[in-house]
Amino acid sequence: MDSMTKIDPTTERDYWRSNYSTRPYVSTGSSYDDYGPAYDYGVSSYSRYPGRAWDDVESDLGRDWERAKGTSKLTWEKAKHAVRDAWDRLTGHR
């Protein structure tokens, strides 16, 4: 997805709601309610850091996760895989 393409958060949320359980980092027994905020954070962060590489922003995202996670029970170490997955989906790095 190039920077000129408008990101639809609802489309992204629907995609992840349907696909999160197939991802290798999702713990058995976890729900979308745990991972959804991480996917949302990845989508919003991609928009907030246009043109930046994941490696350049990961430490900033980790620092801000506690404030961004809402009701998610995930620590940054668990959430970062979902955040990056959402980021990579938007950049086309799958």
Protein backbone atom coordinates (compact mmCIF):
# COMPACT_ATOMS: atom_id res chain seq x y z
CA MET A 1 0.00 0.00 0.00
CA ASP A 2 1.58 3.29 -0.97
CA SER A 3 1.36 6.43 1.11
CA MET A 4 -1.30 7.89 -1.19
CA THR A 5 -3.73 5.04 -0.49
CA LYS A 6 -6.33 5.83 2.17
CA ILE A 7 -6.34 3.29 4.98
CA ASP A 8 -9.77 2.19 6.14
CA PRO A 9 -9.48 1.21 9.82
CA THR A 10 -12.79 -0.66 9.65
CA THR A 11 -11.56 -2.83 6.77
CA GLU A 12 -8.36 -3.54 8.66
CA ARG A 13 -10.23 -4.35 11.88
CA ASP A 14 -12.56 -6.73 9.97
CA TYR A 15 -9.58 -8.42 8.34
CA TRP A 16 -7.81 -9.01 11.65
CA ARG A 17 -10.97 -10.08 13.46
CA SER A 18 -11.34 -12.81 10.83
CA ASN A 19 -7.66 -13.78 10.68
CA TYR A 20 -6.01 -13.19 14.06
CA SER A 21 -6.53 -16.76 15.27
CA THR A 22 -4.43 -18.14 12.38
CA ARG A 23 -1.35 -16.14 13.34
CA PRO A 24 1.56 -18.07 14.89
CA TYR A 25 2.08 -15.61 17.77
CA VAL A 26 -1.49 -15.82 19.10
CA SER A 27 -1.62 -17.72 22.38
CA THR A 28 -4.10 -20.56 22.74
CA GLY A 29 -7.20 -19.34 24.53
CA SER A 30 -6.61 -15.69 23.65
CA SER A 31 -9.41 -13.64 22.21
CA TYR A 32 -9.59 -10.91 19.61
CA ASP A 33 -10.17 -8.51 22.51
CA ASP A 34 -6.53 -9.03 23.52
CA TYR A 35 -5.06 -8.67 20.04
CA GLY A 36 -7.47 -6.18 18.46
CA PRO A 37 -5.94 -3.14 20.17
CA ALA A 38 -2.49 -4.22 18.93
CA TYR A 39 -3.72 -4.46 15.34
CA ASP A 40 -5.44 -1.08 15.68
CA TYR A 41 -2.22 0.36 17.08
CA GLY A 42 -0.25 -1.00 14.11
CA VAL A 43 -2.69 0.57 11.67
CA SER A 44 -2.77 3.96 13.41
CA SER A 45 1.01 3.95 13.87
CA TYR A 46 1.57 3.25 10.19
CA SER A 47 -0.43 6.40 9.44
CA ARG A 48 1.41 8.38 12.13
CA TYR A 49 4.87 7.45 10.81
CA PRO A 50 4.47 7.64 7.01
CA GLY A 51 7.40 6.31 5.04
CA ARG A 52 9.26 5.12 8.14
CA ALA A 53 10.66 1.62 8.52
CA TRP A 54 9.45 -0.65 11.33
CA ASP A 55 12.94 -0.87 12.79
CA ASP A 56 13.06 2.93 13.05
CA VAL A 57 9.83 3.20 15.04
CA GLU A 58 9.61 -0.01 17.08
CA SER A 59 11.17 1.49 20.22
CA ASP A 60 8.78 4.48 20.09
CA LEU A 61 5.82 2.15 19.65
CA GLY A 62 6.95 -0.04 22.54
CA ARG A 63 7.31 2.97 24.81
CA ASP A 64 3.78 4.16 23.97
CA TRP A 65 2.04 0.75 24.08
CA GLU A 66 0.92 1.01 27.71
CA ARG A 67 -1.04 4.15 26.87
CA ALA A 68 -2.39 2.79 23.58
CA LYS A 69 -3.40 -0.72 24.59
CA GLY A 70 -6.76 0.08 26.15
CA THR A 71 -8.28 -3.13 27.49
CA SER A 72 -5.68 -5.47 25.98
CA LYS A 73 -3.93 -7.68 28.53
CA LEU A 74 -0.87 -8.08 26.29
CA THR A 75 2.56 -6.85 27.28
CA TRP A 76 4.56 -5.12 24.55
CA GLU A 77 6.64 -8.28 24.09
CA LYS A 78 3.46 -10.16 23.13
CA ALA A 79 1.67 -7.30 21.37
CA LYS A 80 4.54 -6.21 19.13
CA HIS A 81 4.07 -9.22 16.85
CA ALA A 82 0.48 -8.23 16.12
CA VAL A 83 1.40 -4.55 15.79
CA ARG A 84 4.09 -5.45 13.28
CA ASP A 85 1.76 -7.81 11.44
CA ALA A 86 -0.72 -4.97 10.91
CA TRP A 87 2.13 -2.62 9.93
CA ASP A 88 3.54 -5.16 7.46
CA ARG A 89 0.13 -5.78 5.91
CA LEU A 90 -0.10 -2.07 5.14
CA THR A 91 3.44 -1.80 3.77
CA GLY A 92 3.09 -4.97 1.72
CA HIS A 93 5.91 -6.72 3.62
CA ARG A 94 4.21 -10.05 4.24
